[in-house]
PDB file of N, CA and C in Angstrom:
ATOM      1  N   MET A   1       0.597  -0.819  -0.399  1.00  0.00           N
ATOM      2  CA  MET A   1      -0.185   0.094  -0.025  1.00  0.00           C
ATOM      3  C   MET A   1       1.092   1.444  -0.262  1.00  0.00           C
ATOM      4  N   THR A   2       1.919   1.399   0.502  1.00  0.00           N
ATOM      5  CA  THR A   2       2.574   2.437   0.456  1.00  0.00           C
ATOM      6  C   THR A   2       2.944   2.840  -0.601  1.00  0.00           C
ATOM      7  N   ILE A   3       3.206   1.791  -1.239  1.00  0.00           N
ATOM      8  CA  ILE A   3       3.909   2.782  -3.027  1.00  0.00           C
ATOM      9  C   ILE A   3       3.066   3.476  -3.474  1.00  0.00           C
ATOM     10  N   LEU A   4       1.780   2.262  -3.432  1.00  0.00           N
ATOM     11  CA  LEU A   4       0.597   4.292  -3.597  1.00  0.00           C
ATOM     12  C   LEU A   4      -0.017   5.130  -3.792  1.00  0.00           C
ATOM     13  N   SER A   5       1.511   5.459  -2.709  1.00  0.00           N
ATOM     14  CA  SER A   5       1.216   6.825  -1.824  1.00  0.00           C
ATOM     15  C   SER A   5       2.102   7.687  -2.634  1.00  0.00           C
ATOM     16  N   PHE A   6       3.171   6.813  -3.182  1.00  0.00           N
ATOM     17  CA  PHE A   6       4.396   7.866  -4.640  1.00  0.00           C
ATOM     18  C   PHE A   6       4.071   8.041  -5.863  1.00  0.00           C
ATOM     19  N   LEU A   7       2.803   6.895  -6.646  1.00  0.00           N
ATOM     20  CA  LEU A   7       2.488   6.551  -7.526  1.00  0.00           C
ATOM     21  C   LEU A   7       1.472   7.891  -7.892  1.00  0.00           C
ATOM     22  N   GLY A   8       1.330   9.566  -7.109  1.00  0.00           N
ATOM     23  CA  GLY A   8       0.939  10.686  -7.806  1.00  0.00           C
ATOM     24  C   GLY A   8       1.811  11.280  -7.883  1.00  0.00           C
ATOM     25  N   PRO A   9       2.464  10.989  -6.863  1.00  0.00           N
ATOM     26  CA  PRO A   9       3.801  12.102  -7.030  1.00  0.00           C
ATOM     27  C   PRO A   9       4.881  12.008  -8.538  1.00  0.00           C
ATOM     28  N   VAL A  10       5.054  10.642  -8.837  1.00  0.00           N
ATOM     29  CA  VAL A  10       5.635  10.106  -9.984  1.00  0.00           C
ATOM     30  C   VAL A  10       5.256  10.267 -11.125  1.00  0.00           C
ATOM     31  N   ILE A  11       3.679   9.864 -11.020  1.00  0.00           N
ATOM     32  CA  ILE A  11       3.135  10.184 -12.558  1.00  0.00           C
ATOM     33  C   ILE A  11       2.982  12.439 -12.313  1.00  0.00           C
ATOM     34  N   ALA A  12       3.119  12.543 -11.208  1.00  0.00           N
ATOM     35  CA  ALA A  12       2.986  14.347 -11.646  1.00  0.00           C
ATOM     36  C   ALA A  12       4.427  14.533 -12.574  1.00  0.00           C
ATOM     37  N   SER A  13       5.493  14.231 -11.279  1.00  0.00           N
ATOM     38  CA  SER A  13       6.910  14.350 -12.550  1.00  0.00           C
ATOM     39  C   SER A  13       7.116  14.022 -13.319  1.00  0.00           C
ATOM     40  N   ILE A  14       6.853  12.983 -13.887  1.00  0.00           N
ATOM     41  CA  ILE A  14       6.656  12.883 -15.318  1.00  0.00           C
ATOM     42  C   ILE A  14       6.072  13.834 -16.445  1.00  0.00           C
ATOM     43  N   LEU A  15       5.307  13.739 -16.191  1.00  0.00           N
ATOM     44  CA  LEU A  15       4.374  15.228 -16.692  1.00  0.00           C
ATOM     45  C   LEU A  15       4.514  16.190 -16.325  1.00  0.00           C
ATOM     46  N   TYR A  16       4.833  16.793 -15.544  1.00  0.00           N
ATOM     47  CA  TYR A  16       6.739  17.805 -15.417  1.00  0.00           C
ATOM     48  C   TYR A  16       7.250  17.976 -16.201  1.00  0.00           C
ATOM     49  N   VAL A  17       8.143  16.955 -16.574  1.00  0.00           N
ATOM     50  CA  VAL A  17       8.856  16.652 -17.583  1.00  0.00           C
ATOM     51  C   VAL A  17       8.356  16.849 -19.062  1.00  0.00           C
ATOM     52  N   ILE A  18       6.780  16.199 -19.510  1.00  0.00           N
ATOM     53  CA  ILE A  18       6.630  16.468 -20.723  1.00  0.00           C
ATOM     54  C   ILE A  18       6.700  17.606 -20.882  1.00  0.00           C
ATOM     55  N   VAL A  19       6.161  18.446 -19.856  1.00  0.00           N
ATOM     56  CA  VAL A  19       5.224  20.091 -19.952  1.00  0.00           C
ATOM     57  C   VAL A  19       6.773  20.793 -20.439  1.00  0.00           C
ATOM     58  N   PHE A  20       7.878  20.677 -18.822  1.00  0.00           N
ATOM     59  CA  PHE A  20       8.697  21.656 -18.888  1.00  0.00           C
ATOM     60  C   PHE A  20       9.614  21.391 -20.827  1.00  0.00           C
ATOM     61  N   GLN A  21       9.898  19.970 -20.973  1.00  0.00           N
ATOM     62  CA  GLN A  21      10.285  19.902 -22.685  1.00  0.00           C
ATOM     63  C   GLN A  21       9.500  20.866 -23.971  1.00  0.00           C
ATOM     64  N   LYS A  22       7.855  20.942 -23.779  1.00  0.00           N
ATOM     65  CA  LYS A  22       7.615  21.140 -24.685  1.00  0.00           C
ATOM     66  C   LYS A  22       7.303  23.133 -24.551  1.00  0.00           C
ATOM     67  N   ALA A  23       7.715  23.097 -23.052  1.00  0.00           N
ATOM     68  CA  ALA A  23       7.927  24.544 -22.849  1.00  0.00           C
ATOM     69  C   ALA A  23       9.362  25.321 -23.364  1.00  0.00           C
ATOM     70  N   GLY A  24      10.471  24.570 -23.617  1.00  0.00           N
ATOM     71  CA  GLY A  24      11.292  24.526 -24.406  1.00  0.00           C
ATOM     72  C   GLY A  24      12.578  24.585 -23.342  1.00  0.00           C
ATOM     73  N   PHE A  25      12.212  24.049 -21.761  1.00  0.00           N
ATOM     74  CA  PHE A  25      13.415  24.177 -20.808  1.00  0.00           C
ATOM     75  C   PHE A  25      14.136  22.938 -21.232  1.00  0.00           C
ATOM     76  N   ARG A  26      15.101  23.012 -21.021  1.00  0.00           N
ATOM     77  CA  ARG A  26      16.305  22.028 -21.242  1.00  0.00           C
ATOM     78  C   ARG A  26      17.694  22.370 -19.793  1.00  0.00           C
ATOM     79  N   GLY A  27      18.353  20.948 -19.695  1.00  0.00           N
ATOM     80  CA  GLY A  27      19.009  21.599 -18.460  1.00  0.00           C
ATOM     81  C   GLY A  27      19.460  21.007 -17.047  1.00  0.00           C
ATOM     82  N   ALA A  28      19.791  22.036 -16.500  1.00  0.00           N
ATOM     83  CA  ALA A  28      19.335  21.725 -14.737  1.00  0.00           C
ATOM     84  C   ALA A  28      18.377  22.605 -14.357  1.00  0.00           C
ATOM     85  N   VAL A  29      17.607  22.813 -14.866  1.00  0.00           N
ATOM     86  CA  VAL A  29      16.478  23.460 -15.391  1.00  0.00           C
ATOM     87  C   VAL A  29      14.868  22.095 -14.763  1.00  0.00           C
ATOM     88  N   MET A  30      15.356  21.263 -15.222  1.00  0.00           N
ATOM     89  CA  MET A  30      14.631  20.119 -15.310  1.00  0.00           C
ATOM     90  C   MET A  30      14.597  19.359 -14.238  1.00  0.00           C
ATOM     91  N   PHE A  31      15.627  19.761 -13.030  1.00  0.00           N
ATOM     92  CA  PHE A  31      15.764  18.990 -12.224  1.00  0.00           C
ATOM     93  C   PHE A  31      14.820  19.135 -11.279  1.00  0.00           C
ATOM     94  N   VAL A  32      13.737  20.543 -10.974  1.00  0.00           N
ATOM     95  CA  VAL A  32      12.329  20.849 -10.642  1.00  0.00           C
ATOM     96  C   VAL A  32      11.638  19.905 -10.729  1.00  0.00           C
ATOM     97  N   CYS A  33      11.474  19.396 -11.469  1.00  0.00           N
ATOM     98  CA  CYS A  33      10.731  18.413 -11.571  1.00  0.00           C
ATOM     99  C   CYS A  33      10.569  17.479 -11.272  1.00  0.00           C
ATOM    100  N   ALA A  34      11.640  16.449 -10.147  1.00  0.00           N
ATOM    101  CA  ALA A  34      11.735  15.755  -9.287  1.00  0.00           C
ATOM    102  C   ALA A  34      11.614  16.194  -7.989  1.00  0.00           C
ATOM    103  N   ALA A  35      10.971  17.234  -7.609  1.00  0.00           N
ATOM    104  CA  ALA A  35      10.369  17.493  -6.406  1.00  0.00           C
ATOM    105  C   ALA A  35       9.193  16.987  -6.010  1.00  0.00           C
ATOM    106  N   PRO A  36       7.857  16.669  -6.340  1.00  0.00           N
ATOM    107  CA  PRO A  36       7.046  15.894  -5.994  1.00  0.00           C
ATOM    108  C   PRO A  36       7.504  14.807  -5.355  1.00  0.00           C
ATOM    109  N   VAL A  37       8.581  14.360  -6.317  1.00  0.00           N
ATOM    110  CA  VAL A  37       8.523  12.989  -5.575  1.00  0.00           C
ATOM    111  C   VAL A  37       9.612  13.397  -4.689  1.00  0.00           C
ATOM    112  N   LEU A  38      10.253  13.948  -4.340  1.00  0.00           N
ATOM    113  CA  LEU A  38      11.125  14.433  -2.980  1.00  0.00           C
ATOM    114  C   LEU A  38      10.224  15.141  -2.117  1.00  0.00           C
ATOM    115  N   GLY A  39       9.522  15.799  -2.113  1.00  0.00           N
ATOM    116  CA  GLY A  39       8.699  15.649  -1.133  1.00  0.00           C
ATOM    117  C   GLY A  39       7.486  14.818  -0.991  1.00  0.00           C
ATOM    118  N   ALA A  40       7.326  13.744  -1.400  1.00  0.00           N
ATOM    119  CA  ALA A  40       6.615  12.944  -0.556  1.00  0.00           C
ATOM    120  C   ALA A  40       7.782  11.685  -0.111  1.00  0.00           C
ATOM    121  N   VAL A  41       8.880  11.623  -0.620  1.00  0.00           N
ATOM    122  CA  VAL A  41       9.564  10.882   0.209  1.00  0.00           C
ATOM    123  C   VAL A  41       9.908  11.511   1.702  1.00  0.00           C
ATOM    124  N   LEU A  42      10.643  12.744   1.720  1.00  0.00           N
ATOM    125  CA  LEU A  42      10.445  13.670   2.297  1.00  0.00           C
ATOM    126  C   LEU A  42       9.440  13.697   3.354  1.00  0.00           C
ATOM    127  N   THR A  43       7.860  13.641   3.452  1.00  0.00           N
ATOM    128  CA  THR A  43       7.042  13.470   3.937  1.00  0.00           C
ATOM    129  C   THR A  43       7.263  12.267   4.949  1.00  0.00           C
ATOM    130  N   ARG A  44       7.617  11.034   3.509  1.00  0.00           N
ATOM    131  CA  ARG A  44       7.000   9.806   4.409  1.00  0.00           C
ATOM    132  C   ARG A  44       8.175   9.849   5.771  1.00  0.00           C
ATOM    133  N   ILE A  45       9.832  10.409   5.673  1.00  0.00           N
ATOM    134  CA  ILE A  45      10.504  10.445   6.443  1.00  0.00           C
ATOM    135  C   ILE A  45       9.943  11.903   7.474  1.00  0.00           C
ATOM    136  N   LEU A  46       9.967  12.227   7.394  1.00  0.00           N
ATOM    137  CA  LEU A  46       9.138  12.814   8.468  1.00  0.00           C
ATOM    138  C   LEU A  46       8.612  13.344   9.411  1.00  0.00           C
ATOM    139  N   VAL A  47       6.978  12.726   8.829  1.00  0.00           N
ATOM    140  CA  VAL A  47       6.334  11.921   9.417  1.00  0.00           C
ATOM    141  C   VAL A  47       6.784  10.618  10.117  1.00  0.00           C
ATOM    142  N   ALA A  48       7.722   9.551  10.024  1.00  0.00           N
ATOM    143  CA  ALA A  48       7.737   8.725  10.263  1.00  0.00           C
ATOM    144  C   ALA A  48       8.561   9.517  11.471  1.00  0.00           C
ATOM    145  N   SER A  49       9.459  10.142  11.523  1.00  0.00           N
ATOM    146  CA  SER A  49      10.094  10.568  13.079  1.00  0.00           C
ATOM    147  C   SER A  49       9.038  11.105  13.469  1.00  0.00           C
ATOM    148  N   ILE A  50       8.466  12.102  13.799  1.00  0.00           N
ATOM    149  CA  ILE A  50       6.929  12.760  14.046  1.00  0.00           C
ATOM    150  C   ILE A  50       6.323  11.736  15.110  1.00  0.00           C
ATOM    151  N   VAL A  51       6.290  10.227  14.083  1.00  0.00           N
ATOM    152  CA  VAL A  51       5.182   9.238  14.991  1.00  0.00           C
ATOM    153  C   VAL A  51       6.233   9.024  16.274  1.00  0.00           C
ATOM    154  N   MET A  52       7.850   8.980  15.990  1.00  0.00           N
ATOM    155  CA  MET A  52       8.590   8.325  16.831  1.00  0.00           C
ATOM    156  C   MET A  52       9.146   9.141  17.823  1.00  0.00           C
ATOM    157  N   GLY A  53       9.538  10.348  18.004  1.00  0.00           N
ATOM    158  CA  GLY A  53       9.737  10.845  18.226  1.00  0.00           C
ATOM    159  C   GLY A  53       8.913  12.317  19.189  1.00  0.00           C
ATOM    160  N   GLY A  54       7.859  12.509  18.683  1.00  0.00           N
ATOM    161  CA  GLY A  54       6.970  13.839  18.513  1.00  0.00           C
ATOM    162  C   GLY A  54       8.092  15.336  17.988  1.00  0.00           C
ATOM    163  N   GLY A  55       6.295  15.682  17.992  1.00  0.00           N
ATOM    164  CA  GLY A  55       7.154  16.721  17.300  1.00  0.00           C
ATOM    165  C   GLY A  55       6.241  17.921  16.339  1.00  0.00           C
ATOM    166  N   PRO A  56       6.417  18.905  15.912  1.00  0.00           N
ATOM    167  CA  PRO A  56       5.729  19.639  15.656  1.00  0.00           C
ATOM    168  C   PRO A  56       4.772  18.780  14.059  1.00  0.00           C
ATOM    169  N   MET A  57       3.791  19.683  13.991  1.00  0.00           N
ATOM    170  CA  MET A  57       3.435  18.136  12.661  1.00  0.00           C
ATOM    171  C   MET A  57       3.239  19.319  10.958  1.00  0.00           C
ATOM    172  N   ALA A  58       3.037  20.656  11.648  1.00  0.00           N
ATOM    173  CA  ALA A  58       2.127  21.720  10.847  1.00  0.00           C
ATOM    174  C   ALA A  58       3.267  22.143   9.900  1.00  0.00           C
ATOM    175  N   GLY A  59       5.110  21.800   9.851  1.00  0.00           N
ATOM    176  CA  GLY A  59       5.650  22.256   9.133  1.00  0.00           C
ATOM    177  C   GLY A  59       6.780  21.085   7.842  1.00  0.00           C
ATOM    178  N   VAL A  60       5.574  19.584   8.597  1.00  0.00           N
ATOM    179  CA  VAL A  60       5.570  18.593   7.475  1.00  0.00           C
ATOM    180  C   VAL A  60       5.336  18.784   5.770  1.00  0.00           C
ATOM    181  N   PHE A  61       3.606  19.421   6.350  1.00  0.00           N
ATOM    182  CA  PHE A  61       3.087  19.865   4.977  1.00  0.00           C
ATOM    183  C   PHE A  61       2.978  21.219   4.443  1.00  0.00           C
ATOM    184  N   LEU A  62       3.789  21.388   4.950  1.00  0.00           N
ATOM    185  CA  LEU A  62       4.238  22.917   4.476  1.00  0.00           C
ATOM    186  C   LEU A  62       5.602  23.591   3.808  1.00  0.00           C
ATOM    187  N   ILE A  63       6.156  22.161   3.875  1.00  0.00           N
ATOM    188  CA  ILE A  63       8.089  21.375   3.056  1.00  0.00           C
ATOM    189  C   ILE A  63       7.097  20.579   2.228  1.00  0.00           C
ATOM    190  N   SER A  64       5.595  19.371   2.190  1.00  0.00           N
ATOM    191  CA  SER A  64       5.716  18.636   1.094  1.00  0.00           C
ATOM    192  C   SER A  64       4.943  19.526  -0.072  1.00  0.00           C
ATOM    193  N   ALA A  65       4.258  20.966   0.522  1.00  0.00           N
ATOM    194  CA  ALA A  65       3.440  21.086  -0.317  1.00  0.00           C
ATOM    195  C   ALA A  65       4.113  21.890  -1.145  1.00  0.00           C
ATOM    196  N   ALA A  66       4.680  23.094  -0.615  1.00  0.00           N
ATOM    197  CA  ALA A  66       6.046  23.738  -1.487  1.00  0.00           C
ATOM    198  C   ALA A  66       6.660  22.436  -2.493  1.00  0.00           C
ATOM    199  N   LEU A  67       7.436  21.650  -2.034  1.00  0.00           N
ATOM    200  CA  LEU A  67       8.138  20.746  -3.080  1.00  0.00           C
ATOM    201  C   LEU A  67       7.271  20.068  -4.115  1.00  0.00           C
ATOM    202  N   SER A  68       5.331  20.221  -3.535  1.00  0.00           N
ATOM    203  CA  SER A  68       4.602  19.730  -5.010  1.00  0.00           C
ATOM    204  C   SER A  68       4.865  20.695  -5.394  1.00  0.00           C
ATOM    205  N   LEU A  69       4.827  22.161  -5.533  1.00  0.00           N
ATOM    206  CA  LEU A  69       4.018  23.447  -6.051  1.00  0.00           C
ATOM    207  C   LEU A  69       5.391  23.742  -7.039  1.00  0.00           C
ATOM    208  N   ALA A  70       7.078  22.943  -6.253  1.00  0.00           N
ATOM    209  CA  ALA A  70       7.801  24.097  -7.267  1.00  0.00           C
ATOM    210  C   ALA A  70       7.869  23.893  -8.942  1.00  0.00           C
ATOM    211  N   PRO A  71       7.395  22.898  -9.239  1.00  0.00           N
ATOM    212  CA  PRO A  71       7.416  23.117 -11.029  1.00  0.00           C
ATOM    213  C   PRO A  71       6.397  23.764 -11.426  1.00  0.00           C
ATOM    214  N   LEU A  72       5.361  24.502 -10.353  1.00  0.00           N
ATOM    215  CA  LEU A  72       4.864  25.414 -10.602  1.00  0.00           C
ATOM    216  C   LEU A  72       5.185  26.705 -11.124  1.00  0.00           C
ATOM    217  N   LEU A  73       5.838  26.046  -9.901  1.00  0.00           N
ATOM    218  CA  LEU A  73       6.327  28.095  -9.010  1.00  0.00           C
ATOM    219  C   LEU A  73       7.520  28.404 -10.596  1.00  0.00           C
ATOM    220  N   VAL A  74       8.209  27.765 -11.186  1.00  0.00           N
ATOM    221  CA  VAL A  74       8.776  27.436 -11.903  1.00  0.00           C
ATOM    222  C   VAL A  74       8.300  27.858 -12.998  1.00  0.00           C
ATOM    223  N   LEU A  75       7.393  27.381 -13.445  1.00  0.00           N
ATOM    224  CA  LEU A  75       7.107  27.815 -14.873  1.00  0.00           C
ATOM    225  C   LEU A  75       5.871  28.747 -14.273  1.00  0.00           C
ATOM    226  N   ALA A  76       5.525  29.462 -14.071  1.00  0.00           N
ATOM    227  CA  ALA A  76       4.920  31.157 -13.546  1.00  0.00           C
ATOM    228  C   ALA A  76       5.819  31.770 -13.079  1.00  0.00           C
ATOM    229  N   PHE A  77       7.272  31.908 -12.823  1.00  0.00           N
ATOM    230  CA  PHE A  77       7.492  33.049 -12.520  1.00  0.00           C
ATOM    231  C   PHE A  77       9.188  33.465 -13.366  1.00  0.00           C
ATOM    232  N   MET A  78       9.767  32.238 -13.633  1.00  0.00           N
ATOM    233  CA  MET A  78      11.121  31.629 -14.467  1.00  0.00           C
ATOM    234  C   MET A  78      10.777  32.112 -15.807  1.00  0.00           C
ATOM    235  N   ALA A  79      11.704  33.072 -16.774  1.00  0.00           N
ATOM    236  CA  ALA A  79      12.099  33.271 -17.980  1.00  0.00           C
ATOM    237  C   ALA A  79      11.832  32.310 -18.171  1.00  0.00           C
ATOM    238  N   TRP A  80      10.536  32.847 -19.858  1.00  0.00           N
ATOM    239  CA  TRP A  80      10.940  31.091 -20.521  1.00  0.00           C
ATOM    240  C   TRP A  80      11.966  31.195 -21.914  1.00  0.00           C
ATOM    241  N   PRO A  81      12.268  30.082 -22.852  1.00  0.00           N
ATOM    242  CA  PRO A  81      13.298  30.155 -23.767  1.00  0.00           C
ATOM    243  C   PRO A  81      12.653  31.266 -24.870  1.00  0.00           C
ATOM    244  N   PRO A  82      13.685  31.560 -25.609  1.00  0.00           N
ATOM    245  CA  PRO A  82      12.656  31.910 -26.920  1.00  0.00           C
ATOM    246  C   PRO A  82      12.632  31.215 -27.594  1.00  0.00           C
ATOM    247  N   VAL A  83      10.844  31.801 -28.322  1.00  0.00           N
ATOM    248  CA  VAL A  83      10.893  30.721 -29.315  1.00  0.00           C
ATOM    249  C   VAL A  83      10.999  31.477 -30.476  1.00  0.00           C
ATOM    250  N   GLU A  84      11.565  30.241 -30.999  1.00  0.00           N
ATOM    251  CA  GLU A  84      12.290  30.038 -32.215  1.00  0.00           C
ATOM    252  C   GLU A  84      12.215  30.373 -33.229  1.00  0.00           C
ATOM    253  N   THR A  85      12.618  30.629 -33.955  1.00  0.00           N
ATOM    254  CA  THR A  85      11.047  31.002 -35.517  1.00  0.00           C
ATOM    255  C   THR A  85      12.190  30.726 -36.814  1.00  0.00           C
ATOM    256  N   PRO A  86      11.454  29.843 -37.581  1.00  0.00           N
ATOM    257  CA  PRO A  86      11.763  29.601 -38.611  1.00  0.00           C
ATOM    258  C   PRO A  86      13.039  30.157 -39.259  1.00  0.00           C
ATOM    259  N   GLY A  87      13.210  29.376 -40.436  1.00  0.00           N
ATOM    260  CA  GLY A  87      14.297  30.665 -40.999  1.00  0.00           C
ATOM    261  C   GLY A  87      13.442  30.845 -42.231  1.00  0.00           C
ATOM    262  N   LEU A  88      14.180  31.036 -43.657  1.00  0.00           N
ATOM    263  CA  LEU A  88      13.426  31.408 -44.623  1.00  0.00           C
ATOM    264  C   LEU A  88      12.998  29.440 -45.376  1.00  0.00           C
ATOM    265  N   ASN A  89      12.369  29.786 -45.607  1.00  0.00           N
ATOM    266  CA  ASN A  89      11.560  28.631 -46.586  1.00  0.00           C
ATOM    267  C   ASN A  89      11.825  28.505 -48.023  1.00  0.00           C
ATOM    268  N   VAL A  90      13.115  27.759 -48.219  1.00  0.00           N
ATOM    269  CA  VAL A  90      13.852  27.786 -49.232  1.00  0.00           C
ATOM    270  C   VAL A  90      13.331  26.422 -50.207  1.00  0.00           C
ATOM    271  N   PRO A  91      12.567  26.348 -51.150  1.00  0.00           N
ATOM    272  CA  PRO A  91      11.990  25.150 -51.760  1.00  0.00           C
ATOM    273  C   PRO A  91      13.350  24.077 -52.253  1.00  0.00           C
ATOM    274  N   THR A  92      13.018  22.671 -52.167  1.00  0.00           N
ATOM    275  CA  THR A  92      14.312  22.399 -52.452  1.00  0.00           C
ATOM    276  C   THR A  92      13.778  21.258 -53.093  1.00  0.00           C
ATOM    277  N   GLU A  93      12.418  21.285 -53.917  1.00  0.00           N
ATOM    278  CA  GLU A  93      11.945  20.655 -55.550  1.00  0.00           C
ATOM    279  C   GLU A  93      12.259  21.750 -56.643  1.00  0.00           C
ATOM    280  N   ASN A  94      12.651  21.266 -58.168  1.00  0.00           N
ATOM    281  CA  ASN A  94      12.916  21.440 -58.965  1.00  0.00           C
ATOM    282  C   ASN A  94      11.496  21.901 -60.100  1.00  0.00           C
ATOM    283  N   ASN A  95      11.112  23.056 -60.223  1.00  0.00           N
ATOM    284  CA  ASN A  95      10.087  22.914 -60.882  1.00  0.00           C
ATOM    285  C   ASN A  95      10.315  23.012 -62.177  1.00  0.00           C
TER     286      ASN A  95
END
């Protein structure tokens, strides 16, 4: 059953990679797509430590929410790559 809790963040990360590639992002900025999976793992670890030792619970959900929304925040506030304009249309056919 614990694997099902990671299914949503994994699917979200895959979809974020697709959206980021379609938007024209390349390189290191693509690492932000893994933030939902990192948030799920971090939440699992922090909740287990809180259950074992006690502690504040609100911070765990804030960290998880911030990591889950990180790709959307990057898409919203980061400068998008310029759109490539097509070159001159030179026909290659002989008329």
